[in-house]
């Protein structure tokens, strides 16, 4: 979802922007496993490879991510959550990467806001603290 702040040709931009504005104003705190740094950089790289962003411009979203967006987030470590993420990945039928978000959220007692339809259709999407970005409204998340 964080890549939506950088790659402006994606869907659900209004909801992603609203979430970022709420974070910037102090109304919500955005937390993610540290892996998000690489995931977003990988999304930007994929956008360059797919021709969505020109190679000469590809550095701009990455620089913005590293200088601005990534520093806004509260990052949780990945290593302590790997055992739980491993178990969750099998139990919920999700990737290990998605399992890290779920494990971190469970540990911290926070919501997960998801823009990934595949994850929302999985068993993880039925967890009470997992919400679709498309339905994000400040004050409606636990």
N, C-alpha and C. Protein backbone atom coordinates (compact mmCIF):
# COMPACT_ATOMS: atom_id res chain seq x y z
N UNK A 1 0.82 -1.18 0.00
CA UNK A 1 0.00 0.00 0.00
C UNK A 1 0.86 1.25 0.00
N UNK A 2 1.99 1.23 0.66
CA UNK A 2 2.84 2.42 0.74
C UNK A 2 3.34 2.86 -0.63
N UNK A 3 3.45 1.94 -1.57
CA UNK A 3 3.91 2.32 -2.90
C UNK A 3 2.91 3.25 -3.59
N UNK A 4 1.67 3.25 -3.16
CA UNK A 4 0.67 4.14 -3.73
C UNK A 4 1.01 5.61 -3.49
N UNK A 5 1.74 5.89 -2.44
CA UNK A 5 2.15 7.27 -2.17
C UNK A 5 3.18 7.75 -3.18
N UNK A 6 3.83 6.81 -3.87
CA UNK A 6 4.91 7.14 -4.80
C UNK A 6 4.53 6.92 -6.26
N UNK A 7 3.81 5.85 -6.53
CA UNK A 7 3.44 5.47 -7.89
C UNK A 7 1.99 5.90 -8.10
N UNK A 8 1.81 7.02 -8.71
CA UNK A 8 0.50 7.66 -8.75
C UNK A 8 -0.44 7.12 -9.82
N UNK A 9 -0.09 6.00 -10.45
CA UNK A 9 -0.98 5.40 -11.43
C UNK A 9 -1.69 4.17 -10.86
N UNK A 10 -1.63 4.01 -9.56
CA UNK A 10 -2.25 2.86 -8.92
C UNK A 10 -3.69 3.18 -8.50
N UNK A 11 -4.40 2.14 -8.09
CA UNK A 11 -5.79 2.30 -7.63
C UNK A 11 -5.81 2.70 -6.16
N UNK A 12 -6.95 3.15 -5.71
CA UNK A 12 -7.22 3.49 -4.31
C UNK A 12 -6.30 4.60 -3.78
N UNK A 13 -5.91 5.52 -4.66
CA UNK A 13 -5.01 6.60 -4.25
C UNK A 13 -5.64 7.50 -3.19
N UNK A 14 -6.93 7.80 -3.34
CA UNK A 14 -7.58 8.69 -2.38
C UNK A 14 -7.54 8.11 -0.97
N UNK A 15 -7.83 6.83 -0.84
CA UNK A 15 -7.80 6.19 0.48
C UNK A 15 -6.38 6.15 1.04
N UNK A 16 -5.41 5.84 0.18
CA UNK A 16 -4.01 5.80 0.63
C UNK A 16 -3.56 7.19 1.07
N UNK A 17 -3.93 8.20 0.30
CA UNK A 17 -3.56 9.57 0.66
C UNK A 17 -4.23 10.01 1.95
N UNK A 18 -5.50 9.61 2.15
CA UNK A 18 -6.21 9.97 3.38
C UNK A 18 -5.52 9.35 4.59
N UNK A 19 -5.08 8.12 4.44
CA UNK A 19 -4.37 7.45 5.53
C UNK A 19 -3.06 8.17 5.84
N UNK A 20 -2.33 8.56 4.81
CA UNK A 20 -1.07 9.28 5.01
C UNK A 20 -1.32 10.64 5.64
N UNK A 21 -2.36 11.34 5.20
CA UNK A 21 -2.69 12.64 5.82
C UNK A 21 -3.04 12.46 7.30
N UNK A 22 -3.78 11.42 7.62
CA UNK A 22 -4.13 11.15 9.02
C UNK A 22 -2.88 10.88 9.83
N UNK A 23 -1.94 10.17 9.25
CA UNK A 23 -0.67 9.90 9.93
C UNK A 23 0.13 11.19 10.11
N UNK A 24 0.23 11.98 9.05
CA UNK A 24 1.01 13.22 9.11
C UNK A 24 0.43 14.22 10.11
N UNK A 25 -0.87 14.17 10.32
CA UNK A 25 -1.51 15.08 11.28
C UNK A 25 -1.52 14.52 12.69
N UNK A 26 -0.99 13.30 12.87
CA UNK A 26 -0.92 12.71 14.19
C UNK A 26 -2.17 11.97 14.62
N UNK A 27 -3.13 11.80 13.74
CA UNK A 27 -4.37 11.11 14.09
C UNK A 27 -4.21 9.60 14.14
N UNK A 28 -3.28 9.07 13.35
CA UNK A 28 -2.95 7.64 13.38
C UNK A 28 -1.44 7.50 13.30
N UNK A 29 -0.97 6.37 13.75
CA UNK A 29 0.45 6.03 13.63
C UNK A 29 0.55 4.85 12.68
N UNK A 30 1.38 4.98 11.68
CA UNK A 30 1.59 3.90 10.72
C UNK A 30 2.80 3.09 11.14
N UNK A 31 2.59 1.80 11.27
CA UNK A 31 3.63 0.87 11.70
C UNK A 31 3.71 -0.26 10.68
N UNK A 32 4.92 -0.71 10.41
CA UNK A 32 5.12 -1.81 9.46
C UNK A 32 6.39 -2.55 9.84
N UNK A 33 6.51 -3.81 9.42
CA UNK A 33 7.78 -4.50 9.62
C UNK A 33 8.85 -3.83 8.75
N UNK A 34 10.06 -3.90 9.18
CA UNK A 34 11.15 -3.23 8.48
C UNK A 34 11.27 -3.67 7.02
N UNK A 35 10.78 -4.83 6.70
CA UNK A 35 10.84 -5.32 5.32
C UNK A 35 10.16 -4.38 4.33
N UNK A 36 9.28 -3.50 4.82
CA UNK A 36 8.56 -2.59 3.92
C UNK A 36 9.53 -1.73 3.12
N UNK A 37 10.68 -1.45 3.69
CA UNK A 37 11.66 -0.63 2.97
C UNK A 37 12.05 -1.29 1.65
N UNK A 38 12.29 -2.59 1.69
CA UNK A 38 12.68 -3.33 0.49
C UNK A 38 11.47 -3.58 -0.40
N UNK A 39 10.32 -3.84 0.20
CA UNK A 39 9.11 -4.10 -0.59
C UNK A 39 8.74 -2.89 -1.45
N UNK A 40 8.81 -1.71 -0.89
CA UNK A 40 8.46 -0.52 -1.65
C UNK A 40 9.50 -0.26 -2.74
N UNK A 41 10.77 -0.40 -2.39
CA UNK A 41 11.82 -0.23 -3.41
C UNK A 41 11.62 -1.23 -4.54
N UNK A 42 11.23 -2.45 -4.21
CA UNK A 42 10.97 -3.47 -5.22
C UNK A 42 9.78 -3.09 -6.09
N UNK A 43 8.75 -2.49 -5.51
CA UNK A 43 7.59 -2.03 -6.28
C UNK A 43 7.98 -0.94 -7.28
N UNK A 44 8.83 -0.04 -6.84
CA UNK A 44 9.31 1.02 -7.73
C UNK A 44 10.13 0.41 -8.86
N UNK A 45 10.99 -0.54 -8.52
CA UNK A 45 11.80 -1.22 -9.54
C UNK A 45 10.91 -1.91 -10.56
N UNK A 46 9.88 -2.60 -10.08
CA UNK A 46 8.95 -3.29 -10.97
C UNK A 46 8.24 -2.29 -11.88
N UNK A 47 7.88 -1.13 -11.34
CA UNK A 47 7.23 -0.09 -12.15
C UNK A 47 8.16 0.39 -13.26
N UNK A 48 9.45 0.49 -12.97
CA UNK A 48 10.43 0.86 -14.00
C UNK A 48 10.51 -0.24 -15.05
N UNK A 49 10.63 -1.49 -14.61
CA UNK A 49 10.76 -2.60 -15.55
C UNK A 49 9.52 -2.77 -16.43
N UNK A 50 8.34 -2.44 -15.89
CA UNK A 50 7.09 -2.54 -16.64
C UNK A 50 6.80 -1.31 -17.47
N UNK A 51 7.68 -0.32 -17.43
CA UNK A 51 7.50 0.89 -18.21
C UNK A 51 6.51 1.89 -17.63
N UNK A 52 6.05 1.66 -16.41
CA UNK A 52 5.13 2.60 -15.76
C UNK A 52 5.86 3.86 -15.33
N UNK A 53 7.14 3.72 -15.03
CA UNK A 53 8.00 4.84 -14.65
C UNK A 53 9.25 4.72 -15.50
N UNK A 54 9.65 5.80 -16.15
CA UNK A 54 10.86 5.76 -16.96
C UNK A 54 12.09 5.53 -16.09
N UNK A 55 13.07 4.84 -16.65
CA UNK A 55 14.29 4.53 -15.88
C UNK A 55 14.94 5.79 -15.34
N UNK A 56 14.95 6.85 -16.15
CA UNK A 56 15.57 8.09 -15.70
C UNK A 56 14.78 8.72 -14.55
N UNK A 57 13.48 8.46 -14.49
CA UNK A 57 12.65 8.99 -13.40
C UNK A 57 12.51 8.00 -12.26
N UNK A 58 12.94 6.77 -12.44
CA UNK A 58 12.76 5.74 -11.42
C UNK A 58 13.43 6.05 -10.11
N UNK A 59 14.50 6.83 -10.18
CA UNK A 59 15.21 7.19 -8.95
C UNK A 59 14.40 8.15 -8.08
N UNK A 60 13.51 8.93 -8.70
CA UNK A 60 12.74 9.93 -7.94
C UNK A 60 11.84 9.30 -6.88
N UNK A 61 11.00 8.31 -7.24
CA UNK A 61 10.17 7.71 -6.19
C UNK A 61 10.99 6.99 -5.12
N UNK A 62 12.09 6.37 -5.55
CA UNK A 62 12.93 5.69 -4.56
C UNK A 62 13.55 6.70 -3.60
N UNK A 63 14.04 7.80 -4.13
CA UNK A 63 14.62 8.84 -3.27
C UNK A 63 13.56 9.42 -2.34
N UNK A 64 12.37 9.67 -2.89
CA UNK A 64 11.28 10.18 -2.05
C UNK A 64 10.96 9.20 -0.93
N UNK A 65 10.92 7.90 -1.26
CA UNK A 65 10.64 6.88 -0.26
C UNK A 65 11.69 6.91 0.84
N UNK A 66 12.94 6.92 0.46
CA UNK A 66 14.02 6.86 1.45
C UNK A 66 14.13 8.14 2.27
N UNK A 67 13.91 9.28 1.63
CA UNK A 67 14.10 10.57 2.31
C UNK A 67 12.88 11.03 3.08
N UNK A 68 11.70 10.63 2.62
CA UNK A 68 10.47 11.19 3.20
C UNK A 68 9.54 10.13 3.76
N UNK A 69 9.07 9.25 2.89
CA UNK A 69 8.01 8.32 3.29
C UNK A 69 8.47 7.29 4.31
N UNK A 70 9.60 6.66 4.08
CA UNK A 70 10.04 5.59 4.99
C UNK A 70 10.30 6.12 6.39
N UNK A 71 10.80 7.34 6.50
CA UNK A 71 11.11 7.88 7.82
C UNK A 71 9.85 8.26 8.59
N UNK A 72 8.71 8.33 7.89
CA UNK A 72 7.45 8.64 8.56
C UNK A 72 6.90 7.45 9.33
N UNK A 73 7.28 6.26 8.92
CA UNK A 73 6.71 5.05 9.50
C UNK A 73 7.44 4.62 10.75
N UNK A 74 6.71 3.98 11.62
CA UNK A 74 7.31 3.33 12.78
C UNK A 74 7.61 1.89 12.32
N UNK A 75 8.88 1.54 12.29
CA UNK A 75 9.26 0.23 11.77
C UNK A 75 9.50 -0.76 12.89
N UNK A 76 8.91 -1.93 12.73
CA UNK A 76 9.13 -3.02 13.69
C UNK A 76 10.16 -3.98 13.12
N UNK A 77 10.89 -4.64 13.97
CA UNK A 77 11.90 -5.60 13.50
C UNK A 77 11.23 -6.82 12.89
N UNK A 78 11.95 -7.52 12.04
CA UNK A 78 11.39 -8.72 11.42
C UNK A 78 11.81 -9.99 12.15
N UNK A 79 13.05 -10.07 12.57
CA UNK A 79 13.58 -11.31 13.14
C UNK A 79 12.74 -11.86 14.29
N UNK A 80 12.35 -11.05 15.28
CA UNK A 80 11.56 -11.63 16.38
C UNK A 80 10.20 -12.17 15.95
N UNK A 81 9.70 -11.70 14.82
CA UNK A 81 8.36 -12.10 14.37
C UNK A 81 8.39 -13.23 13.34
N UNK A 82 9.57 -13.64 12.92
CA UNK A 82 9.66 -14.70 11.91
C UNK A 82 9.00 -16.01 12.33
N UNK A 83 9.20 -16.51 13.56
CA UNK A 83 8.52 -17.76 13.92
C UNK A 83 6.99 -17.66 13.84
N UNK A 84 6.43 -16.57 14.33
CA UNK A 84 4.97 -16.39 14.26
C UNK A 84 4.53 -16.22 12.82
N UNK A 85 5.28 -15.46 12.04
CA UNK A 85 4.94 -15.25 10.63
C UNK A 85 4.99 -16.56 9.86
N UNK A 86 5.96 -17.39 10.18
CA UNK A 86 6.10 -18.71 9.55
C UNK A 86 4.83 -19.53 9.79
N UNK A 87 4.42 -19.60 11.05
CA UNK A 87 3.23 -20.36 11.41
C UNK A 87 1.98 -19.78 10.75
N UNK A 88 1.85 -18.46 10.80
CA UNK A 88 0.69 -17.80 10.20
C UNK A 88 0.64 -18.01 8.69
N UNK A 89 1.79 -18.04 8.05
CA UNK A 89 1.81 -18.19 6.59
C UNK A 89 1.17 -19.52 6.18
N UNK A 90 1.41 -20.56 6.96
CA UNK A 90 0.80 -21.86 6.66
C UNK A 90 -0.66 -21.91 7.11
N UNK A 91 -0.92 -21.42 8.31
CA UNK A 91 -2.28 -21.48 8.85
C UNK A 91 -3.27 -20.65 8.04
N UNK A 92 -2.83 -19.49 7.56
CA UNK A 92 -3.73 -18.59 6.85
C UNK A 92 -3.59 -18.66 5.33
N UNK A 93 -2.60 -19.41 4.86
CA UNK A 93 -2.38 -19.51 3.43
C UNK A 93 -1.90 -18.22 2.80
N UNK A 94 -0.98 -17.54 3.48
CA UNK A 94 -0.46 -16.26 3.01
C UNK A 94 1.05 -16.35 2.87
N UNK A 95 1.64 -15.34 2.28
CA UNK A 95 3.10 -15.33 2.14
C UNK A 95 3.75 -15.06 3.50
N UNK A 96 4.98 -15.42 3.60
CA UNK A 96 5.75 -15.13 4.81
C UNK A 96 5.83 -13.62 5.04
N UNK A 97 5.94 -12.86 3.95
CA UNK A 97 6.00 -11.40 4.06
C UNK A 97 4.71 -10.86 4.67
N UNK A 98 3.56 -11.33 4.17
CA UNK A 98 2.28 -10.90 4.74
C UNK A 98 2.14 -11.38 6.18
N UNK A 99 2.68 -12.56 6.46
CA UNK A 99 2.65 -13.07 7.82
C UNK A 99 3.37 -12.16 8.81
N UNK A 100 4.41 -11.49 8.34
CA UNK A 100 5.13 -10.55 9.22
C UNK A 100 4.24 -9.37 9.61
N UNK A 101 3.44 -8.88 8.67
CA UNK A 101 2.51 -7.78 8.99
C UNK A 101 1.48 -8.25 10.01
N UNK A 102 0.94 -9.45 9.80
CA UNK A 102 -0.08 -9.99 10.70
C UNK A 102 0.51 -10.24 12.08
N UNK A 103 1.70 -10.83 12.13
CA UNK A 103 2.33 -11.12 13.42
C UNK A 103 2.64 -9.84 14.18
N UNK A 104 3.15 -8.83 13.50
CA UNK A 104 3.44 -7.55 14.14
C UNK A 104 2.16 -6.91 14.67
N UNK A 105 1.11 -6.94 13.87
CA UNK A 105 -0.17 -6.35 14.30
C UNK A 105 -0.74 -7.08 15.51
N UNK A 106 -0.66 -8.40 15.49
CA UNK A 106 -1.15 -9.18 16.65
C UNK A 106 -0.36 -8.81 17.90
N UNK A 107 0.94 -8.74 17.79
CA UNK A 107 1.79 -8.43 18.94
C UNK A 107 1.50 -7.04 19.49
N UNK A 108 1.32 -6.08 18.61
CA UNK A 108 1.12 -4.69 19.04
C UNK A 108 -0.35 -4.34 19.29
N UNK A 109 -1.25 -5.24 18.91
CA UNK A 109 -2.68 -4.96 19.08
C UNK A 109 -3.16 -3.83 18.18
N UNK A 110 -2.68 -3.82 16.94
CA UNK A 110 -3.05 -2.76 16.00
C UNK A 110 -3.73 -3.36 14.78
N UNK A 111 -4.36 -2.51 13.99
CA UNK A 111 -5.03 -2.92 12.77
C UNK A 111 -4.03 -3.04 11.63
N UNK A 112 -4.39 -3.86 10.65
CA UNK A 112 -3.65 -3.96 9.40
C UNK A 112 -4.59 -3.44 8.32
N UNK A 113 -4.14 -2.45 7.57
CA UNK A 113 -4.93 -1.90 6.48
C UNK A 113 -4.28 -2.39 5.19
N UNK A 114 -5.07 -3.07 4.36
CA UNK A 114 -4.55 -3.84 3.24
C UNK A 114 -5.14 -3.35 1.92
N UNK A 115 -4.28 -3.21 0.91
CA UNK A 115 -4.74 -2.88 -0.44
C UNK A 115 -4.62 -4.08 -1.36
N UNK A 116 -4.23 -5.21 -0.83
CA UNK A 116 -3.97 -6.43 -1.60
C UNK A 116 -5.21 -7.32 -1.58
N UNK A 117 -5.92 -7.39 -2.73
CA UNK A 117 -7.15 -8.19 -2.79
C UNK A 117 -6.88 -9.66 -2.49
N UNK A 118 -5.74 -10.17 -2.92
CA UNK A 118 -5.40 -11.58 -2.67
C UNK A 118 -5.32 -11.83 -1.16
N UNK A 119 -4.70 -10.94 -0.44
CA UNK A 119 -4.60 -11.10 1.02
C UNK A 119 -5.98 -10.98 1.66
N UNK A 120 -6.79 -10.07 1.18
CA UNK A 120 -8.13 -9.91 1.74
C UNK A 120 -9.01 -11.12 1.49
N UNK A 121 -8.78 -11.82 0.39
CA UNK A 121 -9.56 -13.04 0.09
C UNK A 121 -9.06 -14.25 0.88
N UNK A 122 -7.87 -14.16 1.44
CA UNK A 122 -7.32 -15.28 2.21
C UNK A 122 -7.97 -15.33 3.59
N UNK A 123 -7.61 -16.33 4.35
CA UNK A 123 -8.12 -16.44 5.72
C UNK A 123 -7.70 -15.23 6.56
N UNK A 124 -6.59 -14.61 6.22
CA UNK A 124 -6.14 -13.42 6.95
C UNK A 124 -7.15 -12.29 6.82
N UNK A 125 -7.82 -12.22 5.69
CA UNK A 125 -8.81 -11.18 5.45
C UNK A 125 -10.02 -11.28 6.36
N UNK A 126 -10.18 -12.41 7.01
CA UNK A 126 -11.30 -12.59 7.95
C UNK A 126 -10.91 -12.28 9.39
N UNK A 127 -9.65 -11.96 9.61
CA UNK A 127 -9.25 -11.59 10.97
C UNK A 127 -9.88 -10.24 11.32
N UNK A 128 -10.32 -10.07 12.55
CA UNK A 128 -11.06 -8.84 12.91
C UNK A 128 -10.23 -7.56 12.84
N UNK A 129 -8.93 -7.67 12.81
CA UNK A 129 -8.07 -6.48 12.78
C UNK A 129 -7.48 -6.21 11.40
N UNK A 130 -7.93 -6.95 10.38
CA UNK A 130 -7.49 -6.75 9.01
C UNK A 130 -8.60 -6.05 8.25
N UNK A 131 -8.28 -4.90 7.66
CA UNK A 131 -9.28 -4.06 6.98
C UNK A 131 -8.81 -3.71 5.58
N UNK A 132 -9.75 -3.57 4.68
CA UNK A 132 -9.45 -3.15 3.31
C UNK A 132 -9.18 -1.66 3.27
N UNK A 133 -8.15 -1.27 2.54
CA UNK A 133 -7.86 0.15 2.35
C UNK A 133 -9.05 0.87 1.74
N UNK A 134 -9.74 0.21 0.83
CA UNK A 134 -10.88 0.83 0.15
C UNK A 134 -11.97 1.25 1.14
N UNK A 135 -12.02 0.61 2.29
CA UNK A 135 -13.01 0.96 3.30
C UNK A 135 -12.46 1.84 4.41
N UNK A 136 -11.22 2.30 4.23
CA UNK A 136 -10.60 3.08 5.31
C UNK A 136 -11.30 4.41 5.50
N UNK A 137 -11.73 4.65 6.71
CA UNK A 137 -12.25 5.93 7.14
C UNK A 137 -11.72 6.16 8.54
N UNK A 138 -11.13 7.30 8.77
CA UNK A 138 -10.59 7.61 10.08
C UNK A 138 -11.68 7.44 11.13
N UNK A 139 -11.37 6.69 12.16
CA UNK A 139 -12.32 6.48 13.23
C UNK A 139 -13.07 5.16 13.12
N UNK A 140 -12.98 4.48 11.96
CA UNK A 140 -13.70 3.22 11.82
C UNK A 140 -12.82 2.03 12.12
N UNK A 141 -11.54 2.23 12.18
CA UNK A 141 -10.62 1.13 12.48
C UNK A 141 -10.41 1.07 13.97
N UNK A 142 -10.29 -0.17 14.49
CA UNK A 142 -10.13 -0.39 15.91
C UNK A 142 -8.94 0.18 16.42
